[in-house]
N, C-alpha and C. Protein backbone atom coordinates (compact mmCIF):
# COMPACT_ATOMS: atom_id res chain seq x y z
N MET A 1 3.22 16.11 14.00
CA MET A 1 4.03 15.10 12.57
C MET A 1 4.67 15.93 11.29
N SER A 2 5.87 15.57 11.79
CA SER A 2 6.62 15.71 10.45
C SER A 2 7.36 14.93 9.55
N CYS A 3 7.33 15.59 8.20
CA CYS A 3 7.43 14.48 7.51
C CYS A 3 8.31 15.39 6.31
N SER A 4 9.29 14.78 5.77
CA SER A 4 10.27 15.03 4.78
C SER A 4 10.71 14.20 4.00
N VAL A 5 10.80 14.29 2.46
CA VAL A 5 11.05 13.54 1.36
C VAL A 5 12.54 13.66 1.34
N SER A 6 13.56 14.63 1.88
CA SER A 6 14.83 14.44 1.55
C SER A 6 15.16 13.31 2.30
N VAL A 7 16.49 12.36 1.65
CA VAL A 7 17.18 11.05 2.02
C VAL A 7 18.64 11.14 2.29
N ASP A 8 19.09 11.00 3.28
CA ASP A 8 20.98 10.81 3.68
C ASP A 8 21.01 9.29 2.63
N SER A 9 22.03 9.96 1.27
CA SER A 9 22.53 8.75 1.14
C SER A 9 23.08 7.96 1.91
N THR A 10 23.42 7.66 2.26
CA THR A 10 24.34 6.28 3.09
C THR A 10 22.58 5.72 3.64
N VAL A 11 21.85 6.70 4.05
CA VAL A 11 20.49 5.30 4.50
C VAL A 11 19.79 4.88 3.29
N ARG A 12 19.94 6.01 2.14
CA ARG A 12 19.02 5.17 1.04
C ARG A 12 19.57 3.86 0.74
N ILE A 13 21.00 4.42 0.56
CA ILE A 13 22.19 2.40 0.05
C ILE A 13 21.58 1.57 1.20
N TYR A 14 21.80 1.93 2.09
CA TYR A 14 21.57 0.96 3.08
C TYR A 14 20.11 0.49 3.15
N ASN A 15 18.93 0.94 3.21
CA ASN A 15 17.82 0.43 2.93
C ASN A 15 17.54 0.31 1.32
N PHE A 16 17.79 0.52 0.22
CA PHE A 16 18.09 -0.63 -0.28
C PHE A 16 19.10 -1.94 -0.64
N TRP A 17 19.86 -1.95 -0.03
CA TRP A 17 20.64 -3.41 0.03
C TRP A 17 19.61 -4.26 0.73
N GLN A 18 19.02 -3.37 2.19
CA GLN A 18 18.13 -4.95 2.45
C GLN A 18 16.88 -4.81 2.05
N LEU A 19 16.41 -3.82 1.49
CA LEU A 19 15.03 -4.28 -0.18
C LEU A 19 15.61 -5.44 -0.87
N ALA A 20 16.42 -4.99 -1.21
CA ALA A 20 16.99 -6.21 -2.40
C ALA A 20 17.19 -7.57 -2.23
N ARG A 21 17.23 -7.84 -0.68
CA ARG A 21 17.69 -9.09 -0.59
C ARG A 21 16.42 -9.60 0.05
N SER A 22 15.73 -8.86 0.25
CA SER A 22 14.45 -9.34 0.26
C SER A 22 13.48 -9.70 -0.09
N ARG A 23 13.50 -8.76 -1.49
CA ARG A 23 12.53 -8.39 -2.80
C ARG A 23 13.44 -9.12 -3.75
N PRO A 24 13.52 -10.12 -4.63
CA PRO A 24 14.07 -10.60 -5.46
C PRO A 24 14.45 -9.86 -7.01
N LEU A 25 12.62 -9.54 -6.84
CA LEU A 25 12.73 -8.66 -7.91
C LEU A 25 12.92 -7.41 -8.31
N LYS A 26 13.23 -6.49 -9.00
CA LYS A 26 13.49 -5.18 -9.29
C LYS A 26 12.24 -4.32 -8.56
N ILE A 27 13.20 -3.93 -7.92
CA ILE A 27 12.65 -2.73 -6.52
C ILE A 27 12.20 -1.50 -7.62
N THR A 28 10.73 -0.68 -8.04
CA THR A 28 10.60 0.32 -7.75
C THR A 28 10.27 0.82 -7.43
N LEU A 29 11.13 2.33 -7.08
CA LEU A 29 10.54 2.76 -5.81
C LEU A 29 9.87 4.00 -6.43
N ILE A 30 8.76 4.42 -5.41
CA ILE A 30 7.44 5.20 -5.99
C ILE A 30 8.06 6.49 -5.03
N ALA A 31 8.07 6.73 -3.80
CA ALA A 31 8.55 7.92 -2.82
C ALA A 31 9.64 7.22 -1.84
N GLU A 32 9.65 7.68 -0.95
CA GLU A 32 10.84 7.38 0.25
C GLU A 32 10.55 8.62 1.08
N ILE A 33 10.40 8.18 2.37
CA ILE A 33 9.59 9.29 2.90
C ILE A 33 10.35 9.37 4.91
N PHE A 34 10.88 10.37 5.45
CA PHE A 34 10.86 10.23 6.39
C PHE A 34 9.30 10.79 7.06
N CYS A 35 8.97 10.19 8.32
CA CYS A 35 7.74 10.82 9.04
C CYS A 35 7.92 10.63 10.88
N ASP A 36 7.84 11.23 11.20
CA ASP A 36 7.84 10.48 12.54
C ASP A 36 9.06 10.10 12.73
N ALA A 37 10.30 10.43 12.65
CA ALA A 37 11.16 9.94 12.62
C ALA A 37 11.56 7.84 12.14
N ILE A 38 10.31 8.07 11.16
CA ILE A 38 10.80 6.47 10.46
C ILE A 38 10.26 6.66 8.95
N THR A 39 11.03 5.57 8.41
CA THR A 39 12.11 6.07 6.98
C THR A 39 10.71 4.74 6.03
N MET A 40 10.29 5.65 5.67
CA MET A 40 9.36 4.53 4.44
C MET A 40 9.48 4.50 3.36
N GLN A 41 9.24 3.18 2.78
CA GLN A 41 9.51 3.28 1.12
C GLN A 41 8.47 2.91 0.21
N ILE A 42 7.87 3.32 -0.70
CA ILE A 42 6.80 2.98 -1.14
C ILE A 42 7.16 2.51 -2.98
N LEU A 43 6.63 1.49 -2.77
CA LEU A 43 7.05 0.56 -3.52
C LEU A 43 6.12 -0.18 -4.54
N LYS A 44 6.05 -0.54 -6.23
CA LYS A 44 5.41 -1.19 -6.50
C LYS A 44 5.43 -2.83 -5.79
N SER A 45 3.89 -3.37 -5.94
CA SER A 45 5.03 -4.86 -5.38
C SER A 45 4.84 -5.25 -6.39
N VAL A 46 5.08 -6.72 -5.79
CA VAL A 46 6.26 -8.13 -6.60
C VAL A 46 5.30 -9.25 -5.87
N PRO A 47 5.16 -10.40 -6.88
CA PRO A 47 5.02 -11.54 -5.97
C PRO A 47 5.11 -11.59 -4.48
N SER A 48 6.10 -11.32 -3.80
CA SER A 48 6.49 -11.60 -2.63
C SER A 48 5.76 -11.23 -1.89
N ASP A 49 5.17 -10.15 -2.30
CA ASP A 49 4.10 -9.31 -0.88
C ASP A 49 2.57 -10.15 -1.14
N ASN A 50 2.17 -10.74 -1.78
CA ASN A 50 1.10 -11.33 -1.80
C ASN A 50 0.54 -12.33 -0.28
N GLY A 51 1.44 -12.28 0.58
CA GLY A 51 1.02 -13.03 1.81
C GLY A 51 1.10 -12.01 2.39
N ALA A 52 2.44 -10.72 2.44
CA ALA A 52 2.07 -9.72 3.47
C ALA A 52 0.91 -9.11 3.25
N ALA A 53 0.23 -8.77 2.30
CA ALA A 53 -0.66 -7.87 2.00
C ALA A 53 -2.14 -8.23 2.77
N LYS A 54 -2.11 -10.03 1.97
CA LYS A 54 -3.30 -10.55 2.64
C LYS A 54 -3.09 -10.45 3.86
N ASP A 55 -2.10 -10.84 4.99
CA ASP A 55 -1.86 -11.13 5.79
C ASP A 55 -2.67 -9.54 6.76
N LEU A 56 -2.05 -8.31 6.43
CA LEU A 56 -2.49 -7.47 6.87
C LEU A 56 -4.04 -7.21 6.75
N VAL A 57 -4.68 -7.00 5.13
CA VAL A 57 -5.98 -6.99 5.34
C VAL A 57 -6.52 -8.35 6.41
N ARG A 58 -6.42 -9.44 6.57
CA ARG A 58 -7.04 -10.35 7.50
C ARG A 58 -6.99 -10.08 8.80
N ILE A 59 -5.83 -9.46 9.36
CA ILE A 59 -5.60 -8.67 10.58
C ILE A 59 -6.75 -7.58 10.31
N SER A 60 -5.98 -6.57 9.82
CA SER A 60 -7.08 -5.31 10.15
C SER A 60 -9.17 -5.65 10.15
N CYS A 61 -9.59 -6.52 8.82
CA CYS A 61 -10.64 -6.78 9.00
C CYS A 61 -10.92 -7.92 9.97
N ASP A 62 -10.14 -8.15 10.84
CA ASP A 62 -10.72 -9.07 11.67
C ASP A 62 -10.79 -8.35 12.89
N THR A 63 -10.22 -6.58 13.71
CA THR A 63 -10.32 -6.00 14.51
C THR A 63 -11.77 -5.16 14.18
N PHE A 64 -12.54 -5.69 13.19
CA PHE A 64 -13.87 -5.01 12.88
C PHE A 64 -14.92 -5.90 12.77
N GLY A 65 -14.29 -7.11 12.98
CA GLY A 65 -15.60 -8.89 12.46
C GLY A 65 -15.77 -8.79 11.33
N ILE A 66 -14.64 -8.46 10.16
CA ILE A 66 -14.96 -9.17 9.39
C ILE A 66 -14.76 -10.20 8.55
N GLU A 67 -14.81 -11.31 8.14
CA GLU A 67 -14.22 -11.95 7.49
C GLU A 67 -14.00 -12.11 6.44
N THR A 68 -12.46 -12.45 5.89
CA THR A 68 -12.05 -11.95 4.50
C THR A 68 -12.28 -13.35 3.32
N ASP A 69 -12.17 -12.84 2.32
CA ASP A 69 -12.84 -13.95 1.29
C ASP A 69 -11.52 -13.86 -0.17
N PHE A 70 -10.90 -13.99 0.00
CA PHE A 70 -9.71 -13.94 -0.82
C PHE A 70 -9.82 -14.62 -2.42
N ASP A 71 -11.11 -15.52 -2.44
CA ASP A 71 -11.43 -15.97 -3.42
C ASP A 71 -12.52 -15.46 -3.97
N ASN A 72 -12.86 -14.11 -3.17
CA ASN A 72 -14.46 -13.52 -4.06
C ASN A 72 -14.11 -12.46 -4.18
N LEU A 73 -15.03 -12.18 -3.02
CA LEU A 73 -15.28 -10.43 -2.33
C LEU A 73 -13.66 -9.85 -2.21
N ASP A 74 -12.89 -10.80 -1.62
CA ASP A 74 -11.32 -9.62 -1.27
C ASP A 74 -10.42 -10.59 -2.45
N LYS A 75 -10.92 -10.54 -3.76
CA LYS A 75 -10.28 -11.39 -4.64
C LYS A 75 -9.22 -10.30 -5.09
N ALA A 76 -9.23 -9.34 -5.07
CA ALA A 76 -8.55 -8.28 -5.38
C ALA A 76 -6.78 -8.00 -4.72
N ILE A 77 -6.92 -8.34 -3.76
CA ILE A 77 -6.11 -8.89 -2.22
C ILE A 77 -5.58 -10.19 -2.61
N GLY A 78 -5.99 -10.80 -3.02
CA GLY A 78 -5.95 -12.81 -2.87
C GLY A 78 -5.04 -12.54 -4.54
N LEU A 79 -5.11 -11.73 -5.21
CA LEU A 79 -4.33 -11.63 -6.15
C LEU A 79 -2.99 -10.75 -6.36
N PHE A 80 -3.27 -10.15 -5.43
CA PHE A 80 -1.72 -8.80 -5.03
C PHE A 80 -0.79 -9.26 -5.41
N GLY A 81 0.07 -8.76 -6.61
CA GLY A 81 1.32 -9.03 -6.48
C GLY A 81 1.90 -9.86 -7.49
N THR A 82 0.30 -10.85 -8.34
CA THR A 82 0.41 -11.42 -9.10
C THR A 82 0.47 -11.87 -10.17
N ILE A 83 0.70 -12.35 -11.65
CA ILE A 83 0.18 -12.37 -12.71
C ILE A 83 -0.95 -12.24 -12.86
N ASP A 84 -1.31 -12.95 -11.84
CA ASP A 84 -3.07 -13.22 -12.74
C ASP A 84 -3.88 -11.78 -11.94
N SER A 85 -3.68 -10.80 -11.11
CA SER A 85 -4.09 -9.41 -10.90
C SER A 85 -4.23 -8.86 -11.95
N LYS A 86 -6.06 -8.22 -11.18
CA LYS A 86 -6.24 -7.40 -12.18
C LYS A 86 -6.37 -5.97 -12.09
N ASN A 87 -5.61 -5.65 -10.90
CA ASN A 87 -5.27 -4.48 -10.63
C ASN A 87 -4.53 -3.57 -11.46
N SER A 88 -4.91 -2.03 -11.48
CA SER A 88 -4.03 -1.42 -12.24
C SER A 88 -2.76 -0.63 -12.14
N ILE A 89 -3.11 -0.83 -10.14
CA ILE A 89 -1.88 -0.12 -9.57
C ILE A 89 -1.88 -1.15 -8.31
N GLU A 90 -0.93 -1.21 -7.39
CA GLU A 90 -0.61 -2.27 -6.81
C GLU A 90 0.89 -1.59 -5.92
N LEU A 91 0.82 -1.27 -4.74
CA LEU A 91 1.45 -0.31 -3.95
C LEU A 91 1.58 -1.02 -2.55
N VAL A 92 3.06 -1.26 -1.82
CA VAL A 92 3.13 -1.23 -0.76
C VAL A 92 4.41 -0.28 0.04
N CYS A 93 3.47 -0.25 1.52
CA CYS A 93 4.65 0.60 2.09
C CYS A 93 5.74 -0.53 3.37
N VAL A 94 7.11 -0.25 2.99
CA VAL A 94 7.70 -0.92 3.44
C VAL A 94 8.35 -0.06 4.53
N ILE A 95 8.86 -0.72 5.94
CA ILE A 95 9.34 0.05 6.56
C ILE A 95 10.63 -1.06 7.24
N ASP A 96 11.95 -0.90 6.89
CA ASP A 96 13.23 -1.81 6.97
C ASP A 96 12.75 -2.67 5.86
N VAL A 97 12.09 -3.89 6.02
CA VAL A 97 12.11 -5.20 4.82
C VAL A 97 10.92 -5.65 5.29
N ASP A 98 9.91 -4.54 6.33
CA ASP A 98 7.83 -5.66 6.53
C ASP A 98 7.37 -4.48 5.84
N VAL A 99 6.48 -5.10 4.89
CA VAL A 99 5.23 -4.90 4.14
C VAL A 99 4.31 -4.44 5.26
N VAL A 100 3.97 -2.81 5.57
CA VAL A 100 2.83 -2.14 6.71
C VAL A 100 1.98 -1.73 6.26
N ARG A 101 1.71 -1.78 5.19
CA ARG A 101 0.57 -1.02 4.59
C ARG A 101 0.60 -1.53 2.98
N CYS A 102 -0.52 -1.37 2.20
CA CYS A 102 -1.19 -1.97 1.20
C CYS A 102 -1.68 -1.28 -0.02
N VAL A 103 -2.58 -0.80 -0.65
CA VAL A 103 -3.44 -0.55 -1.57
C VAL A 103 -3.47 -0.93 -2.90
N ALA A 104 -4.27 -1.24 -3.67
CA ALA A 104 -5.09 -1.71 -4.98
C ALA A 104 -5.82 -0.69 -5.16
N ILE A 105 -5.73 -0.32 -6.77
CA ILE A 105 -6.30 -0.06 -6.88
C ILE A 105 -7.05 -0.53 -8.70
N GLN A 106 -7.84 -0.71 -8.68
CA GLN A 106 -8.75 -1.27 -9.55
C GLN A 106 -9.37 -0.26 -11.09
N ARG A 107 -9.56 -0.22 -11.76
CA ARG A 107 -9.70 0.66 -13.10
C ARG A 107 -11.27 -0.24 -13.16
N LEU A 108 -12.48 0.50 -13.29
CA LEU A 108 -13.70 0.36 -13.51
C LEU A 108 -13.90 0.72 -14.71
N THR A 109 -13.66 2.19 -15.26
CA THR A 109 -13.61 2.67 -17.11
C THR A 109 -12.59 2.90 -17.12
N PRO A 110 -12.23 3.53 -18.19
CA PRO A 110 -11.38 4.79 -18.71
C PRO A 110 -10.50 5.65 -17.74
N GLN A 111 -11.59 6.41 -17.16
CA GLN A 111 -11.29 7.53 -15.83
C GLN A 111 -12.08 7.03 -14.64
N ASP A 112 -11.93 6.37 -14.43
CA ASP A 112 -12.92 5.60 -13.16
C ASP A 112 -12.11 4.81 -12.60
N ALA A 113 -11.81 4.50 -11.17
CA ALA A 113 -11.33 3.30 -10.16
C ALA A 113 -11.58 3.42 -9.05
N LYS A 114 -11.58 2.03 -8.71
CA LYS A 114 -11.94 1.84 -6.99
C LYS A 114 -10.44 1.86 -5.98
N LEU A 115 -10.25 2.13 -5.00
CA LEU A 115 -9.48 1.66 -4.10
C LEU A 115 -9.63 0.59 -3.54
N VAL A 116 -8.91 -0.44 -3.38
CA VAL A 116 -8.91 -1.71 -2.55
C VAL A 116 -8.10 -2.22 -2.05
N GLY A 117 -8.13 -2.69 -0.79
CA GLY A 117 -7.66 -3.38 0.03
C GLY A 117 -6.06 -2.32 0.59
N PHE A 118 -6.97 -0.97 1.42
CA PHE A 118 -6.47 -0.09 2.05
C PHE A 118 -6.40 -0.17 3.13
N HIS A 119 -5.43 -1.16 3.63
CA HIS A 119 -5.37 -1.24 4.94
C HIS A 119 -3.54 -1.18 5.68
N VAL A 120 -3.64 -0.74 6.98
CA VAL A 120 -2.28 -0.50 7.79
C VAL A 120 -2.40 -1.55 8.89
N GLY A 121 -1.25 -2.39 9.48
CA GLY A 121 -0.97 -2.68 10.70
C GLY A 121 -1.19 -1.42 12.05
N ALA A 122 -1.84 -2.27 12.93
CA ALA A 122 -2.89 -1.39 13.83
C ALA A 122 -1.38 -0.95 14.40
N ASN A 123 -0.32 -1.07 14.38
CA ASN A 123 1.04 -0.78 16.04
C ASN A 123 1.50 0.15 14.50
N ARG A 124 1.50 0.35 13.40
CA ARG A 124 1.48 1.54 12.32
C ARG A 124 0.81 2.57 12.53
N GLN A 125 -0.08 2.54 12.65
CA GLN A 125 -1.21 3.98 12.85
C GLN A 125 -1.03 4.79 13.61
N GLY A 126 -1.39 5.99 12.26
CA GLY A 126 -1.05 7.46 13.28
C GLY A 126 0.39 7.78 12.80
N HIS A 127 1.56 7.81 12.26
CA HIS A 127 2.63 7.99 11.57
C HIS A 127 2.73 8.66 9.94
N GLY A 128 1.43 8.57 9.34
CA GLY A 128 1.57 9.51 8.09
C GLY A 128 0.94 8.20 7.14
N ILE A 129 1.63 6.82 7.40
CA ILE A 129 2.02 5.90 6.46
C ILE A 129 0.67 5.54 5.50
N GLY A 130 -0.30 5.80 5.85
CA GLY A 130 -1.62 5.79 5.03
C GLY A 130 -1.53 6.83 4.13
N ARG A 131 -1.35 8.34 4.62
CA ARG A 131 -1.74 9.60 3.55
C ARG A 131 -0.21 9.44 2.77
N ALA A 132 0.50 9.28 3.04
CA ALA A 132 1.60 9.14 2.09
C ALA A 132 1.20 7.58 1.12
N LEU A 133 0.97 6.91 1.73
CA LEU A 133 0.37 5.82 0.38
C LEU A 133 -0.64 5.99 -0.55
N LEU A 134 -1.66 6.61 0.15
CA LEU A 134 -2.54 7.12 -0.76
C LEU A 134 -2.33 8.18 -1.72
N SER A 135 -1.34 9.09 -0.92
CA SER A 135 -0.87 10.14 -1.99
C SER A 135 0.01 9.76 -3.53
N ALA A 136 0.45 8.90 -3.38
CA ALA A 136 1.16 7.50 -4.08
C ALA A 136 0.22 6.95 -5.22
N ALA A 137 -0.63 6.50 -4.73
CA ALA A 137 -1.43 5.56 -5.06
C ALA A 137 -2.40 6.87 -5.91
N ILE A 138 -2.53 7.92 -5.52
CA ILE A 138 -3.45 8.65 -6.55
C ILE A 138 -2.81 9.58 -7.73
N ALA A 139 -1.05 9.89 -7.30
CA ALA A 139 -0.43 9.92 -8.33
C ALA A 139 -0.28 9.01 -9.55
N GLU A 140 -0.89 7.54 -9.13
CA GLU A 140 -0.17 6.16 -10.16
C GLU A 140 -1.25 6.63 -10.69
N ALA A 141 -2.09 7.12 -10.19
CA ALA A 141 -3.70 6.81 -10.75
C ALA A 141 -4.04 7.81 -12.21
N THR A 142 -3.33 9.10 -11.61
CA THR A 142 -3.42 10.41 -12.53
C THR A 142 -2.85 10.16 -13.71
N ALA A 143 -1.22 9.43 -13.50
CA ALA A 143 -0.32 9.69 -14.14
C ALA A 143 -1.40 8.34 -15.12
N LEU A 144 -1.76 7.34 -15.27
CA LEU A 144 -2.56 6.62 -15.74
C LEU A 144 -4.18 7.25 -16.66
N GLY A 145 -4.24 8.37 -15.85
CA GLY A 145 -5.05 9.34 -17.23
C GLY A 145 -6.61 8.96 -15.82
N ILE A 146 -6.46 8.11 -15.07
CA ILE A 146 -7.78 8.13 -14.08
C ILE A 146 -8.04 9.31 -13.02
N THR A 147 -9.40 9.57 -13.79
CA THR A 147 -9.71 10.84 -12.86
C THR A 147 -10.86 11.25 -12.05
N GLN A 148 -11.15 9.75 -11.36
CA GLN A 148 -12.01 9.75 -10.70
C GLN A 148 -11.70 8.15 -9.57
N GLN A 149 -11.81 8.66 -8.42
CA GLN A 149 -11.21 7.54 -7.51
C GLN A 149 -12.12 7.38 -6.07
N ASN A 150 -12.45 6.09 -6.06
CA ASN A 150 -13.97 5.50 -4.80
C ASN A 150 -12.82 5.03 -4.00
N LEU A 151 -12.86 5.12 -2.61
CA LEU A 151 -12.48 4.10 -1.77
C LEU A 151 -13.88 4.15 -0.44
N ASP A 152 -14.38 2.43 -0.89
CA ASP A 152 -15.15 2.16 0.02
C ASP A 152 -14.93 1.75 1.48
N THR A 153 -15.62 2.22 2.59
CA THR A 153 -16.12 2.03 3.97
C THR A 153 -16.53 2.18 4.54
N TRP A 154 -16.03 1.81 5.49
CA TRP A 154 -17.98 1.95 6.75
C TRP A 154 -17.57 3.31 7.39
N SER A 155 -18.73 3.59 8.24
CA SER A 155 -18.28 4.95 9.13
C SER A 155 -17.89 4.22 10.42
N HIS A 156 -17.48 3.09 11.13
CA HIS A 156 -16.72 3.02 11.79
C HIS A 156 -15.03 2.53 11.83
N MET A 157 -14.85 2.98 10.22
CA MET A 157 -13.47 2.70 9.87
C MET A 157 -12.88 4.33 9.72
N GLU A 158 -12.97 4.58 11.33
CA GLU A 158 -12.41 6.39 11.37
C GLU A 158 -11.22 6.90 10.28
N ALA A 159 -10.11 5.69 10.75
CA ALA A 159 -9.06 6.51 10.53
C ALA A 159 -9.11 6.44 8.54
N ALA A 160 -9.68 5.19 7.93
CA ALA A 160 -10.10 5.60 6.70
C ALA A 160 -11.22 6.28 6.22
N ALA A 161 -11.77 6.98 7.10
CA ALA A 161 -12.84 8.28 6.33
C ALA A 161 -12.38 9.10 6.24
N HIS A 162 -11.94 9.67 7.68
CA HIS A 162 -10.63 10.79 7.85
C HIS A 162 -9.81 11.18 6.80
N LEU A 163 -9.14 9.79 6.15
CA LEU A 163 -8.32 10.60 4.81
C LEU A 163 -9.05 10.87 3.50
């Protein structure tokens, strides 16, 4: 896997134009990464990301036989990108104009946090997207003074456990 963060200015302008059309609110670019011939933008979430984030989590959980409950257990994703969200950090990874991965971080104490909703579409696994998004989320959390971050996962979720 070959990854770099250098970006051709023509590609950047084109990608931002596409993103601006699909994301009517301010675009907050956290990182732009080329990895395995894929250009990814890691962005702070906006309300229009809510449906895509829930779809990603629902599809991902379905593959493991887990039922999602966005009103209770999975509320962090149920409110992802909205004004009612209690998450300290919400990031999405966008390829072209599609949200292909999401992550949220909930602060538990001033220094401790929990990563939630860390999911990627099956067709986008193995391209470094998860690692890039997780690195960006950790950097954002560190900037907020969070020193301990936990990711709850199951042993059969090998990709998440590997990260």
